Protein backbone atom coordinates (compact mmCIF):
# COMPACT_ATOMS: atom_id res chain seq x y z
CA MET A 1 9.80 -1.42 35.63
CA LYS A 2 9.91 -4.70 33.72
CA THR A 3 6.24 -5.41 34.48
CA HIS A 4 5.27 -1.88 33.43
CA LEU A 5 7.16 -2.25 30.14
CA LYS A 6 5.44 -5.56 29.38
CA ALA A 7 2.05 -4.00 30.09
CA LEU A 8 2.85 -1.05 27.83
CA LEU A 9 3.95 -3.32 24.97
CA LYS A 10 0.88 -5.49 25.34
CA LYS A 11 -1.42 -2.47 25.43
CA ASN A 12 0.04 -1.20 22.15
CA ASP A 13 0.07 -4.67 20.53
CA ILE A 14 3.87 -4.69 20.28
CA ASP A 15 5.81 -7.93 20.16
CA ILE A 16 9.21 -8.92 18.78
CA VAL A 17 7.74 -9.53 15.31
CA PHE A 18 6.17 -6.08 15.27
CA ILE A 19 9.45 -4.51 16.38
CA LEU A 20 11.27 -6.16 13.46
CA LEU A 21 8.52 -4.94 11.11
CA LEU A 22 9.05 -1.43 12.50
CA CYS A 23 12.75 -1.78 11.67
CA VAL A 24 11.87 -2.75 8.10
CA VAL A 25 9.56 0.21 7.43
CA CYS A 26 12.04 2.63 9.03
CA THR A 27 15.05 1.60 6.90
CA PHE A 28 13.78 1.69 3.30
CA THR A 29 16.53 4.16 2.37
CA LEU A 30 19.30 1.84 3.64
CA GLU A 31 19.61 -0.77 0.92
CA LYS A 32 22.37 -2.71 2.69
CA VAL A 33 20.73 -2.67 6.13
CA ILE A 34 17.09 -3.50 5.37
CA PRO A 35 17.74 -7.08 4.05
CA LYS A 36 19.04 -8.04 7.51
CA PHE A 37 15.80 -6.92 9.16
CA ILE A 38 13.69 -8.62 6.48
CA PHE A 39 15.62 -11.89 6.89
CA SER A 40 15.27 -11.73 10.69
CA LEU A 41 11.55 -10.91 10.40
CA PHE A 42 10.69 -13.88 8.21
CA ILE A 43 12.96 -16.34 10.03
CA LEU A 44 11.37 -15.40 13.36
CA GLN A 45 7.84 -15.53 11.98
CA THR A 46 8.51 -18.91 10.35
CA ALA A 47 9.85 -20.25 13.65
CA LEU A 48 6.75 -19.01 15.49
CA VAL A 49 4.42 -20.56 12.89
CA ILE A 50 6.20 -23.91 13.21
CA ALA A 51 6.10 -23.71 17.02
CA LYS A 52 2.34 -23.12 17.17
CA TYR A 53 1.19 -24.43 13.78
CA LYS A 54 -2.06 -25.87 15.17
CA SER A 55 -3.29 -22.43 16.30
CA VAL A 56 -2.09 -20.43 13.28
CA THR A 57 -4.77 -18.94 11.03
CA PHE A 58 -3.77 -18.53 7.41
CA SER A 59 -6.29 -16.33 5.59
CA VAL A 60 -5.90 -15.22 1.98
CA THR A 61 -7.85 -13.07 -0.46
CA LYS A 62 -8.28 -12.97 -4.23
CA TYR A 63 -5.81 -10.10 -4.31
CA PHE A 64 -3.27 -12.31 -2.52
CA TRP A 65 -3.39 -14.82 -5.38
CA LEU A 66 -3.14 -12.01 -7.92
CA LEU A 67 0.11 -10.82 -6.31
CA ILE A 68 1.43 -14.40 -6.26
CA ALA A 69 0.53 -14.72 -9.96
CA VAL A 70 2.57 -11.60 -10.82
CA TYR A 71 5.60 -13.12 -9.13
CA GLY A 72 4.79 -16.40 -10.89
CA LEU A 73 5.50 -14.65 -14.19
CA ASN A 74 9.18 -14.84 -13.24
CA VAL A 75 8.95 -18.61 -12.81
CA VAL A 76 7.20 -19.07 -16.17
CA GLY A 77 9.67 -16.69 -17.85
CA MET A 78 12.55 -18.88 -16.67
CA LEU A 79 11.28 -21.68 -18.95
CA TYR A 80 12.26 -19.78 -22.10
CA THR A 81 14.89 -17.27 -20.96
CA GLU A 82 18.44 -17.64 -22.28
CA ASN A 83 20.22 -15.92 -19.40
CA ALA A 84 19.12 -18.21 -16.56
CA SER A 85 21.63 -16.71 -14.13
CA ARG A 86 20.24 -13.22 -14.60
CA GLY A 87 16.70 -14.57 -14.40
CA PHE A 88 17.45 -16.27 -11.09
CA ASN A 89 18.81 -12.95 -9.75
CA VAL A 90 15.55 -11.23 -10.75
CA MET A 91 13.52 -13.95 -9.00
CA THR A 92 15.48 -13.69 -5.75
CA GLN A 93 15.39 -9.89 -5.90
CA GLN A 94 11.60 -9.86 -6.21
CA VAL A 95 10.87 -12.57 -3.64
CA SER A 96 9.39 -9.89 -1.33
CA PHE A 97 6.35 -9.92 -3.64
CA VAL A 98 5.57 -13.34 -2.16
CA LEU A 99 7.05 -13.07 1.33
CA PHE A 100 5.15 -10.00 2.55
CA PRO A 101 1.68 -11.19 1.43
CA LEU A 102 2.43 -14.55 3.10
CA PHE A 103 3.60 -12.75 6.23
CA TYR A 104 0.49 -10.54 6.48
CA SER A 105 -1.74 -13.57 5.84
CA VAL A 106 -0.45 -15.11 9.08
CA TYR A 107 0.60 -12.15 11.23
CA LYS A 108 -2.14 -9.59 11.88
CA VAL A 109 -0.78 -6.07 12.36
CA LYS A 110 -3.04 -4.64 15.06
CA ASN A 111 -1.34 -1.26 15.47
CA ILE A 112 -0.91 -0.02 11.92
CA GLY A 113 -1.14 3.57 13.20
CA LEU A 114 2.09 3.18 15.17
CA LEU A 115 3.77 1.57 12.16
CA LEU A 116 2.85 4.51 9.92
CA LYS A 117 3.90 7.09 12.53
CA ALA A 118 7.27 5.37 12.88
CA TYR A 119 7.67 5.49 9.09
CA VAL A 120 6.92 9.25 8.98
CA ILE A 121 9.36 9.93 11.82
CA SER A 122 12.08 7.89 10.11
CA ILE A 123 11.67 9.82 6.84
CA PHE A 124 11.90 13.12 8.74
CA ILE A 125 15.07 11.91 10.52
CA PHE A 126 16.69 10.88 7.24
CA ILE A 127 15.90 14.28 5.71
CA ALA A 128 17.19 16.10 8.82
CA ILE A 129 20.44 14.11 8.77
CA PHE A 130 20.89 14.88 5.10
CA GLU A 131 20.23 18.59 5.62
CA ILE A 132 22.72 18.76 8.50
CA ASP A 133 25.32 17.05 6.32
CA THR A 134 24.52 19.46 3.50
CA LEU A 135 25.01 22.48 5.77
CA TYR A 136 28.33 21.08 6.98
CA ARG A 137 29.60 20.46 3.45
CA PHE A 138 28.34 23.86 2.31
CA PHE A 139 30.02 25.96 5.02
CA TYR A 140 33.13 23.90 5.77
CA LYS A 141 33.91 21.83 2.67
CA SER A 142 32.82 24.02 -0.22
CA ASP A 143 35.45 24.87 -2.83
CA VAL A 144 33.04 27.08 -4.78
CA PHE A 145 32.42 30.72 -3.91
CA PRO A 146 30.47 32.88 -3.25
CA LEU A 147 28.30 30.90 -0.85
CA ASN A 148 24.70 31.71 -1.71
CA LEU A 149 21.27 30.05 -1.81
CA ASP A 150 21.59 29.15 -5.48
CA LEU A 151 24.69 27.13 -4.66
CA PHE A 152 23.16 25.59 -1.53
CA PHE A 153 20.06 24.38 -3.39
CA SER A 154 22.03 23.25 -6.40
CA TYR A 155 22.22 19.61 -7.42
CA ARG A 156 25.89 19.65 -6.40
CA TYR A 157 25.00 19.87 -2.70
CA THR A 158 21.75 17.93 -2.60
CA GLY A 159 20.51 15.37 -5.13
CA ALA A 160 23.99 14.27 -6.16
CA GLU A 161 24.87 13.42 -2.55
CA VAL A 162 21.85 11.26 -1.65
CA THR A 163 23.39 8.15 -3.20
CA LYS A 164 26.65 8.69 -1.30
CA ILE A 165 25.05 9.16 2.12
CA PHE A 166 22.09 6.77 2.10
CA GLU A 167 22.91 4.59 -0.90
CA THR A 168 19.52 5.40 -2.34
CA HIS A 169 18.29 7.24 -5.44
CA ASN A 170 16.36 10.48 -5.83
CA ALA A 171 13.36 8.80 -7.46
CA TYR A 172 12.98 6.27 -4.62
CA PHE A 173 13.57 8.79 -1.84
CA GLY A 174 11.04 11.06 -3.51
CA MET A 175 8.53 8.20 -3.49
CA TYR A 176 9.09 7.63 0.24
CA ILE A 177 8.60 11.33 0.99
CA MET A 178 5.38 11.53 -1.03
CA PHE A 179 3.85 8.64 0.91
CA SER A 180 5.00 10.22 4.18
CA ASN A 181 3.11 13.39 3.20
CA VAL A 182 0.02 11.29 2.41
CA ILE A 183 0.16 9.70 5.88
CA ILE A 184 0.51 13.13 7.51
CA ILE A 185 -2.49 14.44 5.56
CA ASN A 186 -4.46 11.41 6.70
CA PHE A 187 -3.56 12.20 10.32
CA LEU A 188 -4.52 15.85 9.79
CA GLN A 189 -8.16 14.91 9.27
CA LYS A 190 -8.39 13.53 12.79
CA ILE A 191 -6.74 16.50 14.53
CA LYS A 192 -8.78 19.39 15.91
CA LYS A 193 -6.13 21.51 17.66
CA ASN A 194 -4.91 24.36 15.43
CA HIS A 195 -1.32 24.32 16.68
CA SER A 196 -1.01 20.59 15.85
CA ILE A 197 -2.42 21.21 12.38
CA ILE A 198 0.10 24.03 11.83
CA LEU A 199 3.03 21.83 12.91
CA LEU A 200 1.99 19.04 10.54
CA LEU A 201 1.50 21.50 7.68
CA LEU A 202 5.01 22.86 8.31
CA LEU A 203 6.34 19.30 8.22
CA ILE A 204 4.68 18.70 4.85
CA THR A 205 6.17 22.00 3.63
CA PHE A 206 9.64 21.04 4.83
CA GLN A 207 9.48 17.65 3.13
CA SER A 208 8.06 19.14 -0.07
CA LEU A 209 10.89 21.68 -0.22
CA PHE A 210 13.33 18.83 0.19
CA LEU A 211 11.85 17.22 -2.93
CA LEU A 212 12.77 20.39 -4.78
CA GLN A 213 16.31 20.09 -3.45
CA LEU A 214 16.49 16.50 -4.67
CA VAL A 215 15.40 17.62 -8.16
CA ALA A 216 13.17 14.50 -8.21
CA LYS A 217 11.08 15.71 -11.12
CA THR A 218 8.26 13.15 -11.12
CA ALA A 219 7.98 13.34 -7.32
CA ILE A 220 7.86 17.16 -7.36
CA LEU A 221 4.95 17.27 -9.80
CA LEU A 222 2.99 14.39 -8.25
CA ASN A 223 3.57 15.59 -4.69
CA THR A 224 2.35 19.09 -5.58
CA LEU A 225 -0.82 17.65 -7.11
CA ILE A 226 -1.56 15.24 -4.24
CA VAL A 227 -0.81 17.69 -1.42
CA CYS A 228 -2.67 20.67 -2.93
CA VAL A 229 -5.77 18.71 -3.96
CA SER A 230 -5.90 16.69 -0.72
CA LEU A 231 -5.46 19.61 1.67
CA GLY A 232 -7.87 21.81 -0.28
CA TYR A 233 -10.50 19.08 -0.41
CA PHE A 234 -10.27 18.01 3.25
CA PHE A 235 -10.11 21.53 4.70
CA ILE A 236 -13.06 22.73 2.62
CA LYS A 237 -15.04 19.56 3.39
CA ASN A 238 -14.39 19.83 7.13
CA LYS A 239 -14.84 23.65 7.10
CA LYS A 240 -11.39 24.36 8.54
CA GLN A 241 -11.04 27.87 7.18
CA LYS A 242 -8.02 28.88 9.29
CA ALA A 243 -6.09 25.79 8.22
CA LEU A 244 -7.02 26.47 4.59
CA ILE A 245 -5.80 30.08 4.79
CA PHE A 246 -2.53 28.98 6.43
CA THR A 247 -2.07 26.37 3.69
CA LEU A 248 -2.56 29.00 0.99
CA ILE A 249 0.07 31.21 2.69
CA LEU A 250 2.52 28.28 2.76
CA PHE A 251 1.78 27.53 -0.90
CA CYS A 252 2.51 31.15 -1.87
CA PHE A 253 5.74 31.04 0.16
CA ILE A 254 6.95 27.86 -1.57
CA THR A 255 6.01 29.25 -4.98
CA ILE A 256 7.93 32.51 -4.43
CA LEU A 257 10.93 30.66 -2.97
CA SER A 258 10.95 28.21 -5.88
CA VAL A 259 10.81 30.93 -8.53
CA LYS A 260 13.53 33.04 -6.91
CA GLN A 261 15.90 30.48 -5.35
CA LEU A 262 15.13 27.05 -6.80
CA ARG A 263 15.58 27.69 -10.48
CA LEU A 264 17.42 24.42 -11.06
CA PRO A 265 14.55 21.99 -10.30
CA LEU A 266 12.09 24.21 -12.16
CA SER A 267 14.35 24.40 -15.21
CA ARG A 268 14.91 20.63 -15.09
CA ILE A 269 11.14 20.06 -15.05
CA ALA A 270 10.69 22.52 -17.92
CA ASP A 271 13.46 20.74 -19.88
CA ARG A 272 11.69 17.41 -19.37
CA PHE A 273 8.50 18.79 -20.95
CA VAL A 274 10.51 20.24 -23.85
CA GLU A 275 12.18 16.85 -24.37
CA LEU A 276 8.81 15.10 -24.35
CA LYS A 277 7.60 17.53 -26.99
CA GLU A 278 10.70 16.99 -29.11
CA GLY A 279 10.35 13.22 -28.80
CA THR A 280 13.07 11.25 -30.56
CA GLY A 281 14.41 14.48 -32.05
CA ALA A 282 15.84 15.62 -28.71
CA THR A 283 19.62 16.02 -28.57
CA ARG A 284 19.98 14.24 -25.20
CA GLU A 285 19.36 10.54 -24.56
CA THR A 286 15.89 11.15 -23.19
CA ARG A 287 13.33 8.74 -21.77
CA ILE A 288 11.51 8.88 -25.12
CA LYS A 289 14.57 7.57 -27.00
CA ILE A 290 15.12 4.83 -24.44
CA TRP A 291 11.44 3.79 -24.56
CA LYS A 292 11.56 3.72 -28.36
CA ALA A 293 14.47 1.29 -28.19
CA ALA A 294 12.22 -1.16 -26.34
CA LEU A 295 9.58 -1.24 -29.08
CA PRO A 296 11.39 -3.61 -31.53
CA ILE A 297 11.92 -6.09 -28.67
CA ILE A 298 8.22 -5.90 -27.79
CA GLU A 299 7.08 -6.25 -31.40
CA GLU A 300 9.16 -9.41 -31.91
CA ASN A 301 8.00 -10.99 -28.64
CA MET A 302 4.48 -9.63 -28.29
CA PHE A 303 2.67 -12.46 -26.51
CA ILE A 304 5.05 -14.06 -23.99
CA GLY A 305 8.03 -11.71 -24.02
CA ILE A 306 11.72 -12.68 -24.04
CA GLY A 307 11.88 -14.21 -20.57
CA THR A 308 12.83 -13.29 -17.04
CA GLY A 309 16.57 -12.73 -17.53
CA ASP A 310 17.11 -11.45 -21.07
CA VAL A 311 15.78 -7.88 -21.00
CA GLN A 312 19.04 -6.15 -20.10
CA SER A 313 21.13 -7.77 -22.84
CA ALA A 314 18.41 -7.34 -25.48
CA LEU A 315 17.82 -3.71 -24.54
CA HIS A 316 21.52 -2.82 -24.56
CA ALA A 317 21.90 -4.49 -27.96
CA GLU A 318 19.06 -2.31 -29.24
CA PHE A 319 20.69 0.76 -27.66
CA LYS A 320 23.83 0.01 -29.65
CA LYS A 321 21.86 -0.28 -32.90
CA GLN A 322 20.20 3.09 -32.32
CA GLY A 323 23.38 4.88 -31.19
CA ILE A 324 22.28 5.21 -27.55
CA LEU A 325 25.26 5.21 -25.18
CA SER A 326 23.26 4.59 -22.01
CA LYS A 327 23.73 1.30 -20.15
CA SER A 328 20.70 1.79 -17.91
CA ASN A 329 17.35 0.00 -17.85
CA VAL A 330 14.28 1.11 -19.81
CA HIS A 331 13.14 3.53 -17.04
CA ASN A 332 9.55 2.35 -17.36
CA GLN A 333 8.22 -0.59 -15.33
CA TYR A 334 5.32 -1.20 -17.72
CA LEU A 335 7.62 -1.55 -20.72
CA ASP A 336 9.93 -3.74 -18.65
CA TYR A 337 7.11 -6.19 -17.91
CA PHE A 338 5.99 -6.00 -21.55
CA MET A 339 9.47 -6.98 -22.74
CA ARG A 340 9.88 -9.77 -20.18
CA PHE A 341 6.45 -11.40 -20.24
CA GLY A 342 4.61 -9.98 -23.26
CA ILE A 343 1.06 -8.71 -23.36
CA ILE A 344 -0.05 -11.37 -20.87
CA GLY A 345 2.43 -10.17 -18.26
CA LEU A 346 1.63 -6.50 -18.85
CA VAL A 347 -2.13 -7.06 -18.47
CA LEU A 348 -1.58 -9.03 -15.25
CA PHE A 349 0.74 -6.32 -13.91
CA ILE A 350 -1.75 -3.53 -14.67
CA THR A 351 -4.57 -5.62 -13.18
CA VAL A 352 -2.78 -5.50 -9.81
CA PHE A 353 -3.01 -1.70 -9.80
CA GLY A 354 -6.57 -1.72 -11.13
CA TYR A 355 -7.64 -4.06 -8.33
CA SER A 356 -5.87 -1.88 -5.75
CA LEU A 357 -7.56 1.30 -6.98
CA PHE A 358 -10.96 -0.36 -7.08
CA HIS A 359 -10.51 -1.63 -3.51
CA ALA A 360 -9.28 1.77 -2.27
CA ILE A 361 -12.21 3.60 -3.87
CA SER A 362 -14.83 1.06 -2.73
CA THR A 363 -13.54 1.25 0.86
CA ARG A 364 -13.05 5.04 0.60
CA ASN A 365 -9.47 4.69 1.79
CA TYR A 366 -7.40 7.79 1.08
CA MET A 367 -3.99 6.38 2.00
CA TYR A 368 -4.24 3.24 -0.08
CA PHE A 369 -5.59 5.18 -3.04
CA CYS A 370 -2.69 7.67 -2.96
CA PHE A 371 -0.13 4.92 -2.33
CA THR A 372 -1.29 3.10 -5.46
CA ILE A 373 -1.27 6.29 -7.54
CA ILE A 374 2.28 7.08 -6.35
CA ILE A 375 3.54 3.62 -7.38
CA MET A 376 1.69 3.71 -10.72
CA VAL A 377 3.02 7.13 -11.70
CA CYS A 378 6.58 6.41 -10.56
CA CYS A 379 6.52 3.20 -12.62
CA MET A 380 6.08 5.38 -15.72
CA THR A 381 9.52 6.97 -15.39
CA GLU A 382 11.54 4.40 -13.40
CA ASN A 383 11.88 0.64 -13.01
CA ILE A 384 10.61 1.05 -9.46
CA LEU A 385 10.00 -2.66 -8.92
CA SER A 386 13.36 -3.79 -10.28
CA ARG A 387 15.40 -2.76 -7.23
CA GLN A 388 15.11 -3.59 -3.53
CA LEU A 389 14.57 0.12 -2.86
CA GLY A 390 11.21 -0.08 -4.64
CA ILE A 391 10.27 -3.76 -4.28
CA VAL A 392 10.39 -3.81 -0.47
CA PHE A 393 8.59 -0.46 -0.22
CA PHE A 394 5.74 -1.67 -2.45
CA ALA A 395 5.51 -5.18 -1.00
CA GLY A 396 5.90 -4.00 2.59
CA PHE A 397 2.99 -1.57 2.45
CA ASN A 398 0.76 -2.71 -0.40
CA TYR A 399 -0.92 -5.83 1.00
CA LEU A 400 -0.91 -4.38 4.52
CA LEU A 401 -2.86 -1.33 3.33
CA TYR A 402 -5.15 -3.56 1.28
CA LEU A 403 -6.07 -5.68 4.31
CA ASN A 404 -6.63 -2.61 6.52
CA ALA A 405 -8.41 -0.44 3.96
CA LYS A 406 -11.87 -0.99 5.47
CA ASN A 407 -10.64 0.10 8.90
CA ASN A 408 -9.63 3.57 7.77
CA LYS A 409 -12.29 5.20 5.62
CA CYS A 410 -11.15 8.68 4.71
CA LEU A 411 -12.28 9.65 1.21
């Protein structure tokens, strides 16, 4: 049995380092658990590198140095920041930007397919656990009656509970689900059996409906665009008419269900467009008002920004001047980098995405292209790369997908 297990692990290119990496990609939603796996992963890999340093190959790319340069902005920003303590916290929080590229430059992931499958399975398990918990709370803990679908799909029983159960946030969970759907679509292109295609399409449908339950507005819109365009393009290109017809039936089903039973997420999305149209004249403290508060800070520190650790205090001071009660961040990663590191930092940050897109398109890699688009769009409405929930997700997949882009041509 032991010999058979060793042979199986060797055949699938699985070692202890790979197992720890699997643990990392399967626990993105558990903010308190994942640091333990990350720490173990890098300590073990460092020990292995030291033990066999003469045979270790360290290979880097231009993109590697670009990622290191983005993290280097934090170091430079520490030279002129006033809140050094806060700046140090930002640096330690974003250290994954350096660690994962270093890790992938030494450790070659040979079975990326298994890693991605494990990620998809983990996302499905998290959603299933959440749905089971939701059903339990709905039927046995509800203090609101009558029990109906409107109540079940309401924010009270879904989106508001994600933070309590998994200690995550709707925007981040929505990002994880979108990438899971992208991976499934990528697998779909290689499958010929109709029943397997149907099962995967049902899984995408299930996960997309869950996004509606979360009321993750940006994720709902972006997921709809990516899934519809991707499935339509691939099924038409590969002449899979039955799969295309089944997809259209599922799309009609989701549309009817959304209109009749999921009025809350649709109304929230509609409200967001109304608020964007109203701009600073909106009655609520909208994203537009919060973004406007960042402009005076940017104008006064256009070239090098205000430093690594001073954004929060400067932004909250500006909130107070403009009568904004919120104590949150700017909800826009581009503006955050602009405030911290000026135009130089913003250009460098955008260059990372531009380089990724160029590489994904030139290698015709569907997954990496969609992954980059997901991160770019989510950065418009959230500080995705200011929390471990987003930093580890981006760093853990980004350079790995970059290095393997040529091995998976799908566009």
